Amino acid sequence: MTAGCPSESEGRALVSAAPWWFDLDMNDAAGWSTSDLVILLPYLGRPHTVAPLLDSIAETVPGASVMACLTPGDTKVSEAFDNHPYPTQRLYVDYQPVGDYARKVNAGYRATTQPLIFTGACDLEFHPNWFEAATAMINANSRIGIVGTNDLGNPRVLRGEHSTHSLITRHYADTYGLAGPTPGAIYCELYPHECCDDELWQTGLARGAAVSCARSVVKHLHPNWGLAPTDALYSRQAARTIAGRKLLTRRQHLWLAERPADWEQAERNQAERDQAKRELHHG
């Protein structure tokens, strides 16, 4: 076990014991094919991650489309994609110091047509059956537009309270989009980087359209979990997070306004169900 990060078996045990994780048999994924999926991969440097990332995509979702969202002039990253046999599309988005990741995801979403979109990154490792587990959640409830994957590292993700990288239906993005609602976008581009995923997730929860899936494992190879070395981008995370949280607080009223009128009663009902599950689990 690496310091700060549970092993894969420990991570799976944590989420399987959490009563708030909603899970289904992966056989319920019928009707979806990997050809329905586009994985968006925003990049800013880190060419060494391209090959292992594409390897894990090829092994778990062969036939899925990959849209690499690159910075013009990032030749080493572009060459790394050229040198890998997995077919990828390219989209070049001018770098901006604020919102670069969100802008690249939104541009990739608008440049593609597949009904399912995965908000990826360079530091991921896709595990077997992640796609089948996630699409089973969409099939179970027509309201679901965001499925949170299990990154096996982030404590909030392991508690089922957050998702850093998600599977999103195009219908959800086209119809509802950002808080407001603001159709036609996935991420708010005002965040430096951190917390744009928080807004996506919290807005989806407020709409009753987001659900976590423990069995959909997309491991986040992040320095916070001891799974990657710190570099110049990672080292600026703390400052970006402070700014991101301030903006998240200022924008919170947008998604809170979208909650149904009976939200408080629904919250109490869910708390009672969770307590009953905990009592049953602990016998």
Protein backbone atom coordinates (compact mmCIF):
# COMPACT_ATOMS: atom_id res chain seq x y z
CA MET A 1 0.00 0.00 0.00
CA THR A 2 1.34 3.43 -0.97
CA ALA A 3 1.27 6.08 1.74
CA GLY A 4 -1.95 8.06 1.67
CA CYS A 5 -3.74 5.76 -0.74
CA PRO A 6 -5.64 2.54 0.03
CA SER A 7 -4.70 -0.51 -1.96
CA GLU A 8 -7.17 -1.56 -4.62
CA SER A 9 -8.61 -4.31 -2.40
CA GLU A 10 -8.88 -1.90 0.54
CA GLY A 11 -10.54 0.71 -1.65
CA ARG A 12 -13.08 -1.78 -2.90
CA ALA A 13 -13.78 -2.90 0.66
CA LEU A 14 -14.35 0.68 1.78
CA VAL A 15 -16.88 1.46 -0.90
CA SER A 16 -18.67 -1.88 -0.65
CA ALA A 17 -19.27 -1.21 3.06
CA ALA A 18 -20.62 2.30 2.48
CA PRO A 19 -24.43 2.21 2.48
CA TRP A 20 -24.73 5.33 0.31
CA TRP A 21 -23.09 3.65 -2.70
CA PHE A 22 -25.79 2.63 -5.15
CA ASP A 23 -24.77 -0.45 -7.11
CA LEU A 24 -26.26 -2.84 -9.63
CA ASP A 25 -25.40 -6.05 -11.38
CA MET A 26 -23.34 -5.21 -14.46
CA ASN A 27 -25.62 -7.40 -16.57
CA ASP A 28 -28.02 -4.45 -16.38
CA ALA A 29 -25.79 -2.56 -18.83
CA ALA A 30 -27.55 -4.07 -21.86
CA GLY A 31 -28.13 -1.72 -24.75
CA TRP A 32 -24.89 0.26 -24.51
CA SER A 33 -21.82 -0.38 -26.62
CA THR A 34 -18.33 1.07 -26.39
CA SER A 35 -19.07 2.69 -29.77
CA ASP A 36 -21.53 4.91 -27.86
CA LEU A 37 -18.67 6.33 -25.78
CA VAL A 38 -16.20 9.15 -26.28
CA ILE A 39 -13.44 9.67 -23.74
CA LEU A 40 -12.24 13.26 -23.54
CA LEU A 41 -8.56 13.59 -22.62
CA PRO A 42 -7.48 17.17 -21.88
CA TYR A 43 -3.70 17.43 -21.83
CA LEU A 44 -1.17 20.02 -20.73
CA GLY A 45 2.24 18.36 -20.91
CA ARG A 46 2.96 14.94 -19.35
CA PRO A 47 3.58 12.99 -22.59
CA HIS A 48 4.85 10.01 -20.57
CA THR A 49 1.28 9.26 -19.46
CA VAL A 50 -0.16 8.82 -22.96
CA ALA A 51 0.86 5.21 -23.63
CA PRO A 52 -0.28 3.62 -20.34
CA LEU A 53 -3.52 5.61 -20.44
CA LEU A 54 -4.37 4.50 -23.98
CA ASP A 55 -3.36 0.94 -23.10
CA SER A 56 -5.96 0.86 -20.32
CA ILE A 57 -8.60 2.30 -22.65
CA ALA A 58 -7.81 -0.29 -25.33
CA GLU A 59 -8.02 -3.10 -22.79
CA THR A 60 -11.31 -2.05 -21.16
CA VAL A 61 -13.39 -0.26 -23.81
CA PRO A 62 -12.09 -1.28 -27.25
CA GLY A 63 -14.01 0.60 -29.88
CA ALA A 64 -14.55 3.70 -27.76
CA SER A 65 -13.66 7.02 -29.37
CA VAL A 66 -10.90 9.10 -27.82
CA MET A 67 -10.72 12.86 -28.27
CA ALA A 68 -7.37 14.25 -27.19
CA CYS A 69 -7.84 17.91 -26.30
CA LEU A 70 -4.37 19.42 -26.66
CA THR A 71 -2.60 22.74 -26.37
CA PRO A 72 -1.22 24.05 -29.69
CA GLY A 73 2.54 23.59 -29.77
CA ASP A 74 2.55 20.74 -27.25
CA THR A 75 4.48 18.63 -29.73
CA LYS A 76 5.75 15.96 -27.31
CA VAL A 77 2.19 15.09 -26.26
CA SER A 78 1.00 15.08 -29.86
CA GLU A 79 3.88 12.79 -30.85
CA ALA A 80 3.05 10.43 -27.98
CA PHE A 81 -0.48 10.04 -29.37
CA ASP A 82 0.94 9.58 -32.89
CA ASN A 83 3.19 6.79 -31.64
CA HIS A 84 0.40 4.75 -30.02
CA PRO A 85 -1.67 2.33 -32.11
CA TYR A 86 -5.01 3.23 -30.51
CA PRO A 87 -6.86 5.62 -32.86
CA THR A 88 -7.48 9.08 -31.45
CA GLN A 89 -8.96 12.32 -32.68
CA ARG A 90 -7.22 15.61 -31.92
CA LEU A 91 -8.64 18.95 -30.93
CA TYR A 92 -6.40 21.93 -30.24
CA VAL A 93 -7.55 24.50 -27.70
CA ASP A 94 -5.52 27.60 -26.89
CA TYR A 95 -4.13 27.55 -23.36
CA GLN A 96 -5.73 29.77 -20.73
CA PRO A 97 -4.34 30.00 -17.16
CA VAL A 98 -7.88 29.91 -15.74
CA GLY A 99 -10.27 27.16 -16.76
CA ASP A 100 -7.99 25.36 -19.20
CA TYR A 101 -9.20 21.87 -18.24
CA ALA A 102 -12.87 22.89 -18.30
CA ARG A 103 -12.48 24.67 -21.64
CA LYS A 104 -10.88 21.61 -23.20
CA VAL A 105 -13.60 19.28 -21.89
CA ASN A 106 -16.35 21.59 -23.15
CA ALA A 107 -14.68 21.93 -26.55
CA GLY A 108 -14.33 18.15 -26.80
CA TYR A 109 -17.97 17.66 -25.86
CA ARG A 110 -19.12 20.12 -28.54
CA ALA A 111 -16.89 18.57 -31.21
CA THR A 112 -18.25 15.03 -30.74
CA THR A 113 -21.61 13.30 -31.05
CA GLN A 114 -21.48 10.07 -29.02
CA PRO A 115 -24.35 9.69 -26.52
CA LEU A 116 -21.97 8.96 -23.61
CA ILE A 117 -19.09 11.22 -22.58
CA PHE A 118 -16.33 10.48 -20.10
CA THR A 119 -14.53 13.44 -18.56
CA GLY A 120 -11.00 12.09 -18.53
CA ALA A 121 -7.51 13.29 -17.69
CA CYS A 122 -3.93 12.25 -18.29
CA ASP A 123 -3.46 10.57 -14.89
CA LEU A 124 -6.03 7.79 -15.06
CA GLU A 125 -6.07 4.00 -15.26
CA PHE A 126 -9.27 2.37 -16.48
CA HIS A 127 -10.08 -0.97 -14.84
CA PRO A 128 -12.03 -3.89 -16.34
CA ASN A 129 -15.83 -3.53 -16.44
CA TRP A 130 -15.84 0.13 -15.41
CA PHE A 131 -18.02 0.95 -18.42
CA GLU A 132 -20.50 -1.87 -17.87
CA ALA A 133 -20.90 -0.94 -14.20
CA ALA A 134 -21.49 2.73 -14.99
CA THR A 135 -23.98 2.18 -17.81
CA ALA A 136 -25.99 -0.18 -15.63
CA MET A 137 -26.71 2.83 -13.41
CA ILE A 138 -28.00 4.84 -16.35
CA ASN A 139 -30.28 1.98 -17.39
CA ALA A 140 -31.68 1.70 -13.87
CA ASN A 141 -33.05 5.25 -13.69
CA SER A 142 -33.97 7.45 -16.63
CA ARG A 143 -33.18 10.56 -14.55
CA ILE A 144 -29.50 9.68 -14.21
CA GLY A 145 -27.23 11.84 -16.37
CA ILE A 146 -24.00 11.63 -14.35
CA VAL A 147 -22.37 8.47 -13.01
CA GLY A 148 -19.47 9.02 -10.63
CA THR A 149 -16.63 6.54 -10.96
CA ASN A 150 -14.50 5.14 -8.15
CA ASP A 151 -10.97 6.56 -8.22
CA LEU A 152 -9.74 4.39 -5.31
CA GLY A 153 -8.00 7.38 -3.72
CA ASN A 154 -10.04 10.48 -2.92
CA PRO A 155 -11.66 10.09 0.53
CA ARG A 156 -14.79 11.96 -0.61
CA VAL A 157 -15.10 9.65 -3.60
CA LEU A 158 -14.67 6.60 -1.38
CA ARG A 159 -17.49 7.91 0.83
CA GLY A 160 -19.73 8.30 -2.22
CA GLU A 161 -19.84 12.08 -1.78
CA HIS A 162 -18.02 13.21 -4.91
CA SER A 163 -16.75 12.26 -8.35
CA THR A 164 -13.58 13.57 -9.94
CA HIS A 165 -14.13 11.87 -13.31
CA SER A 166 -17.59 10.96 -14.50
CA LEU A 167 -19.60 9.30 -17.24
CA ILE A 168 -22.17 11.80 -18.54
CA THR A 169 -25.02 11.38 -20.98
CA ARG A 170 -25.06 13.82 -23.87
CA HIS A 171 -28.77 14.27 -23.26
CA TYR A 172 -28.00 15.61 -19.78
CA ALA A 173 -25.34 18.03 -21.04
CA ASP A 174 -27.45 19.16 -24.00
CA THR A 175 -30.62 19.61 -21.97
CA TYR A 176 -29.44 20.83 -18.56
CA GLY A 177 -25.70 21.47 -18.59
CA LEU A 178 -24.34 23.85 -15.98
CA ALA A 179 -26.15 25.12 -12.90
CA GLY A 180 -28.79 27.63 -13.79
CA PRO A 181 -29.60 25.57 -15.86
CA THR A 182 -27.23 26.45 -18.73
CA PRO A 183 -27.54 23.80 -21.47
CA GLY A 184 -24.67 22.95 -23.77
CA ALA A 185 -21.73 22.72 -21.38
CA ILE A 186 -20.26 20.21 -18.93
CA TYR A 187 -17.93 22.30 -16.76
CA CYS A 188 -18.02 25.93 -15.65
CA GLU A 189 -14.92 27.56 -17.14
CA LEU A 190 -14.52 30.15 -14.36
CA TYR A 191 -12.70 27.76 -12.02
CA PRO A 192 -8.87 27.78 -12.08
CA HIS A 193 -9.08 23.97 -12.29
CA GLU A 194 -10.09 22.36 -8.98
CA CYS A 195 -13.77 22.45 -8.02
CA CYS A 196 -15.25 22.51 -11.52
CA ASP A 197 -15.94 18.82 -10.87
CA ASP A 198 -17.57 19.75 -7.54
CA GLU A 199 -20.03 22.05 -9.29
CA LEU A 200 -20.86 19.38 -11.87
CA TRP A 201 -21.43 16.79 -9.15
CA GLN A 202 -23.36 18.97 -6.70
CA THR A 203 -25.58 20.30 -9.48
CA GLY A 204 -26.32 16.74 -10.60
CA LEU A 205 -27.20 15.75 -7.04
CA ALA A 206 -29.50 18.75 -6.66
CA ARG A 207 -31.31 17.67 -9.82
CA GLY A 208 -31.52 14.05 -8.70
CA ALA A 209 -29.47 13.15 -11.77
CA ALA A 210 -26.14 11.96 -10.28
CA VAL A 211 -25.20 8.64 -8.71
CA SER A 212 -21.94 7.04 -7.55
CA CYS A 213 -20.89 3.60 -8.74
CA ALA A 214 -18.39 1.68 -6.60
CA ARG A 215 -17.74 -0.97 -9.22
CA SER A 216 -16.86 1.53 -11.95
CA VAL A 217 -13.15 1.82 -11.17
CA VAL A 218 -11.11 4.49 -12.92
CA LYS A 219 -8.04 4.85 -10.75
CA HIS A 220 -6.65 8.37 -10.27
CA LEU A 221 -2.86 8.21 -10.37
CA HIS A 222 -2.40 11.41 -8.37
CA PRO A 223 0.46 12.58 -6.10
CA ASN A 224 -2.04 13.14 -3.29
CA TRP A 225 -2.41 9.34 -3.11
CA GLY A 226 1.29 8.68 -3.63
CA LEU A 227 0.73 7.37 -7.15
CA ALA A 228 2.65 9.95 -9.18
CA PRO A 229 5.53 12.37 -8.67
CA THR A 230 4.72 16.02 -8.05
CA ASP A 231 5.39 18.34 -10.97
CA ALA A 232 4.92 22.06 -11.64
CA LEU A 233 1.21 21.70 -12.37
CA TYR A 234 0.46 19.53 -9.34
CA SER A 235 2.47 21.85 -7.07
CA ARG A 236 0.03 24.71 -7.75
CA GLN A 237 -2.95 22.65 -6.64
CA ALA A 238 -3.26 24.16 -3.15
CA ALA A 239 -3.53 27.75 -4.38
CA ARG A 240 -5.94 26.79 -7.15
CA THR A 241 -8.12 24.87 -4.69
CA ILE A 242 -8.48 27.90 -2.39
CA ALA A 243 -9.67 30.03 -5.30
CA GLY A 244 -11.90 27.24 -6.59
CA ARG A 245 -13.64 26.75 -3.26
CA LYS A 246 -14.39 30.46 -2.98
CA LEU A 247 -16.02 30.44 -6.41
CA LEU A 248 -17.90 27.23 -5.55
CA THR A 249 -19.40 28.94 -2.51
CA ARG A 250 -20.38 32.03 -4.52
CA ARG A 251 -22.12 29.91 -7.17
CA GLN A 252 -23.80 27.46 -4.80
CA HIS A 253 -27.12 29.30 -4.93
CA LEU A 254 -27.45 28.37 -8.61
CA TRP A 255 -27.79 24.62 -8.04
CA LEU A 256 -29.56 24.93 -4.70
CA ALA A 257 -32.29 26.81 -6.56
CA GLU A 258 -32.77 23.75 -8.78
CA ARG A 259 -33.61 21.40 -5.91
CA PRO A 260 -37.24 20.24 -5.85
CA ALA A 261 -39.62 21.87 -3.40
CA ASP A 262 -39.81 18.69 -1.29
CA TRP A 263 -35.99 18.44 -1.03
CA GLU A 264 -35.81 18.56 2.76
CA GLN A 265 -38.32 15.76 3.15
CA ALA A 266 -36.52 13.74 0.52
CA GLU A 267 -33.26 14.27 2.44
CA ARG A 268 -34.87 13.02 5.66
CA ASN A 269 -36.27 9.99 3.86
CA GLN A 270 -32.85 9.19 2.41
CA ALA A 271 -31.18 9.58 5.81
CA GLU A 272 -33.66 7.09 7.29
CA ARG A 273 -32.96 4.62 4.48
CA ASP A 274 -29.21 5.01 4.96
CA GLN A 275 -29.52 4.40 8.68
CA ALA A 276 -31.58 1.28 8.08
CA LYS A 277 -28.92 0.00 5.66
CA ARG A 278 -26.18 0.65 8.20
CA GLU A 279 -28.07 -1.23 10.91
CA LEU A 280 -28.67 -4.12 8.52
CA HIS A 281 -25.04 -4.16 7.42
CA HIS A 282 -23.67 -4.16 10.96
CA GLY A 283 -26.29 -6.69 12.09
